[in-house]
Every structure is written in C-alpha cells, then in structure tokens.
C-alpha cells in the first residue's frame, strides 16, 4: 500500500500548467514535527515536501490556496529517476495528491499542537 498523510503550510502559491488535455498543479509544503529531546525539551523539526495535483483537485488547490495556508493531504509517493546532462543518475520522491482538506485561518488541525 502506498499511502501518505501530511498536514502542512504552503511555502509559496501553487503553480499551474497545462499538460496535454489536463492541468497539473505543483506546490511545496512545510511540515512541522515536534519531538522531545533527552532532557524532555520540545524540539521542532520542519521538513519540506513537493506535491502534484491533477485535474479538478489541482485547479481547486490553485484557485483557493496561497502561501502560508494550512492543508491536510492524503497522497501516494512517486519516485522519479533521470540522468542529468553530466551523466549522473538522479532521483527524487514526489507526492501525488489523492484527497485534501483546506483549513481556513481560524481552523487548526488537531495534530498541529
């Protein structure tokens, strides 16, 4: 099974482009995680993930979401592999949006404490 869930903030406004007969929206999220260190102090870690959303879901995200807004995403991971002009093999993981919930300014997801 290939399922991932994220709650994070947009690092920039989503970007949209035409791909064949459909539209692709790409964006990056900053996802915060809190852990306790050995002394019991709460420490924050922020990771950044790239997403792609196709068709009507993507256009909805593009129309509504802006930098800094919070969104919850259910996605699947996709590995991309390529060879760069220098002949080096490269790879990265992108996440394809399956479903989402956009939070307004007054809402805070439960796991953002």
C-alpha atoms as a PDB file:
ATOM      1  CA  UNK A   1       0.000   0.000   0.000  1.00  0.00           C
ATOM      2  CA  UNK A   2       1.307   3.445  -0.903  1.00  0.00           C
ATOM      3  CA  UNK A   3      -0.476   5.996   1.319  1.00  0.00           C
ATOM      4  CA  UNK A   4       0.959   9.095   2.970  1.00  0.00           C
ATOM      5  CA  UNK A   5      -0.761  11.776   5.052  1.00  0.00           C
ATOM      6  CA  UNK A   6       0.532  15.299   5.612  1.00  0.00           C
ATOM      7  CA  UNK A   7      -0.592  18.472   7.348  1.00  0.00           C
ATOM      8  CA  UNK A   8       1.475  21.491   6.437  1.00  0.00           C
ATOM      9  CA  UNK A   9       1.729  25.039   5.159  1.00  0.00           C
ATOM     10  CA  UNK A  10       2.240  26.141   1.567  1.00  0.00           C
ATOM     11  CA  UNK A  11       5.768  27.516   1.106  1.00  0.00           C
ATOM     12  CA  UNK A  12       4.604  29.533  -1.942  1.00  0.00           C
ATOM     13  CA  UNK A  13       1.475  29.947  -4.040  1.00  0.00           C
ATOM     14  CA  UNK A  14       0.705  26.769  -6.052  1.00  0.00           C
ATOM     15  CA  UNK A  15       1.766  26.806  -9.723  1.00  0.00           C
ATOM     16  CA  UNK A  16      -0.375  25.510 -12.590  1.00  0.00           C
ATOM     17  CA  UNK A  17       0.485  24.380 -16.112  1.00  0.00           C
ATOM     18  CA  UNK A  18      -1.214  22.572 -18.972  1.00  0.00           C
ATOM     19  CA  UNK A  19      -0.124  19.001 -19.658  1.00  0.00           C
ATOM     20  CA  UNK A  20      -1.875  17.574 -22.691  1.00  0.00           C
ATOM     21  CA  UNK A  21      -5.625  17.876 -22.165  1.00  0.00           C
ATOM     22  CA  UNK A  22      -5.414  18.410 -18.401  1.00  0.00           C
ATOM     23  CA  UNK A  23      -3.814  20.686 -15.832  1.00  0.00           C
ATOM     24  CA  UNK A  24      -1.072  19.954 -13.330  1.00  0.00           C
ATOM     25  CA  UNK A  25      -0.666  21.934 -10.118  1.00  0.00           C
ATOM     26  CA  UNK A  26       2.615  21.707  -8.211  1.00  0.00           C
ATOM     27  CA  UNK A  27       3.459  23.043  -4.772  1.00  0.00           C
ATOM     28  CA  UNK A  28       5.637  22.532  -1.732  1.00  0.00           C
ATOM     29  CA  UNK A  29       4.565  22.152   1.899  1.00  0.00           C
ATOM     30  CA  UNK A  30       6.453  22.798   5.114  1.00  0.00           C
ATOM     31  CA  UNK A  31       5.501  20.052   7.576  1.00  0.00           C
ATOM     32  CA  UNK A  32       6.295  20.561  11.268  1.00  0.00           C
ATOM     33  CA  UNK A  33       7.085  17.721  13.648  1.00  0.00           C
ATOM     34  CA  UNK A  34       7.627  18.055  17.384  1.00  0.00           C
ATOM     35  CA  UNK A  35       9.757  15.656  19.433  1.00  0.00           C
ATOM     36  CA  UNK A  36      11.210  15.674  22.904  1.00  0.00           C
ATOM     37  CA  UNK A  37      14.988  15.588  23.324  1.00  0.00           C
ATOM     38  CA  UNK A  38      16.819  13.593  26.018  1.00  0.00           C
ATOM     39  CA  UNK A  39      16.198  16.381  28.534  1.00  0.00           C
ATOM     40  CA  UNK A  40      12.473  16.397  27.790  1.00  0.00           C
ATOM     41  CA  UNK A  41      12.506  19.712  25.917  1.00  0.00           C
ATOM     42  CA  UNK A  42      10.107  20.040  22.997  1.00  0.00           C
ATOM     43  CA  UNK A  43      12.014  20.496  19.703  1.00  0.00           C
ATOM     44  CA  UNK A  44      10.533  21.468  16.348  1.00  0.00           C
ATOM     45  CA  UNK A  45      11.712  19.994  13.057  1.00  0.00           C
ATOM     46  CA  UNK A  46      10.451  21.213   9.673  1.00  0.00           C
ATOM     47  CA  UNK A  47      10.593  19.080   6.517  1.00  0.00           C
ATOM     48  CA  UNK A  48       9.712  20.230   3.007  1.00  0.00           C
ATOM     49  CA  UNK A  49       7.857  18.019   0.530  1.00  0.00           C
ATOM     50  CA  UNK A  50       6.852  18.506  -3.125  1.00  0.00           C
ATOM     51  CA  UNK A  51       3.363  17.641  -4.357  1.00  0.00           C
ATOM     52  CA  UNK A  52       1.482  17.374  -7.629  1.00  0.00           C
ATOM     53  CA  UNK A  53      -2.286  17.553  -8.061  1.00  0.00           C
ATOM     54  CA  UNK A  54      -4.054  16.801 -11.326  1.00  0.00           C
ATOM     55  CA  UNK A  55      -7.365  17.807 -12.870  1.00  0.00           C
ATOM     56  CA  UNK A  56     -10.159  19.420 -10.826  1.00  0.00           C
ATOM     57  CA  UNK A  57      -8.490  18.792  -7.453  1.00  0.00           C
ATOM     58  CA  UNK A  58      -5.407  20.604  -8.668  1.00  0.00           C
ATOM     59  CA  UNK A  59      -7.329  23.541 -10.072  1.00  0.00           C
ATOM     60  CA  UNK A  60      -9.249  23.866  -6.783  1.00  0.00           C
ATOM     61  CA  UNK A  61      -5.976  23.982  -4.844  1.00  0.00           C
ATOM     62  CA  UNK A  62      -4.596  26.543  -7.308  1.00  0.00           C
ATOM     63  CA  UNK A  63      -7.664  28.802  -7.035  1.00  0.00           C
ATOM     64  CA  UNK A  64      -8.054  28.709  -3.239  1.00  0.00           C
ATOM     65  CA  UNK A  65      -4.651  28.123  -1.635  1.00  0.00           C
ATOM     66  CA  UNK A  66      -1.942  30.691  -1.005  1.00  0.00           C
ATOM     67  CA  UNK A  67       1.450  30.792   0.664  1.00  0.00           C
ATOM     68  CA  UNK A  68       1.203  30.088   4.405  1.00  0.00           C
ATOM     69  CA  UNK A  69      -2.204  28.395   4.263  1.00  0.00           C
ATOM     70  CA  UNK A  70      -2.661  25.061   6.060  1.00  0.00           C
ATOM     71  CA  UNK A  71      -3.811  21.965   4.171  1.00  0.00           C
ATOM     72  CA  UNK A  72      -4.216  18.277   5.043  1.00  0.00           C
ATOM     73  CA  UNK A  73      -3.280  15.930   2.205  1.00  0.00           C
ATOM     74  CA  UNK A  74      -3.686  12.228   1.537  1.00  0.00           C
ATOM     75  CA  UNK A  75      -1.188  11.289  -1.191  1.00  0.00           C
ATOM     76  CA  UNK A  76       0.757   8.489  -2.835  1.00  0.00           C
ATOM     77  CA  UNK A  77       4.537   8.594  -3.256  1.00  0.00           C
ATOM     78  CA  UNK A  78       6.071   8.581  -6.750  1.00  0.00           C
ATOM     79  CA  UNK A  79       9.760   8.076  -7.453  1.00  0.00           C
ATOM     80  CA  UNK A  80      11.248   9.934 -10.406  1.00  0.00           C
ATOM     81  CA  UNK A  81      14.574   8.869 -11.914  1.00  0.00           C
ATOM     82  CA  UNK A  82      16.604  10.636 -14.597  1.00  0.00           C
ATOM     83  CA  UNK A  83      20.124  11.220 -15.851  1.00  0.00           C
ATOM     84  CA  UNK A  84      21.334  14.821 -15.744  1.00  0.00           C
ATOM     85  CA  UNK A  85      23.429  16.438 -18.521  1.00  0.00           C
ATOM     86  CA  UNK A  86      26.614  15.448 -16.657  1.00  0.00           C
ATOM     87  CA  UNK A  87      25.605  11.770 -16.896  1.00  0.00           C
ATOM     88  CA  UNK A  88      24.772  11.426 -13.192  1.00  0.00           C
ATOM     89  CA  UNK A  89      21.777   9.327 -12.174  1.00  0.00           C
ATOM     90  CA  UNK A  90      19.336  11.346 -10.078  1.00  0.00           C
ATOM     91  CA  UNK A  91      16.132  10.558  -8.250  1.00  0.00           C
ATOM     92  CA  UNK A  92      13.537  12.267  -6.083  1.00  0.00           C
ATOM     93  CA  UNK A  93      10.229  11.492  -4.452  1.00  0.00           C
ATOM     94  CA  UNK A  94       7.106  13.467  -5.348  1.00  0.00           C
ATOM     95  CA  UNK A  95       3.724  13.014  -3.752  1.00  0.00           C
ATOM     96  CA  UNK A  96       0.571  12.790  -5.887  1.00  0.00           C
ATOM     97  CA  UNK A  97      -2.479  14.237  -4.134  1.00  0.00           C
ATOM     98  CA  UNK A  98      -5.399  11.817  -3.775  1.00  0.00           C
ATOM     99  CA  UNK A  99      -7.589  13.958  -1.486  1.00  0.00           C
ATOM    100  CA  UNK A 100      -7.247  17.072   0.660  1.00  0.00           C
ATOM    101  CA  UNK A 101      -8.866  19.396   3.192  1.00  0.00           C
ATOM    102  CA  UNK A 102      -8.112  23.104   3.117  1.00  0.00           C
ATOM    103  CA  UNK A 103      -8.185  24.842   6.504  1.00  0.00           C
ATOM    104  CA  UNK A 104      -9.314  28.434   6.889  1.00  0.00           C
ATOM    105  CA  UNK A 105      -7.449  30.920   9.087  1.00  0.00           C
ATOM    106  CA  UNK A 106      -9.486  30.112  12.210  1.00  0.00           C
ATOM    107  CA  UNK A 107      -9.213  26.327  11.926  1.00  0.00           C
ATOM    108  CA  UNK A 108      -6.234  24.407  13.275  1.00  0.00           C
ATOM    109  CA  UNK A 109      -5.820  20.709  12.620  1.00  0.00           C
ATOM    110  CA  UNK A 110      -5.660  18.586  15.780  1.00  0.00           C
ATOM    111  CA  UNK A 111      -2.125  17.305  15.169  1.00  0.00           C
ATOM    112  CA  UNK A 112      -0.613  20.809  14.900  1.00  0.00           C
ATOM    113  CA  UNK A 113      -0.266  21.192  18.708  1.00  0.00           C
END
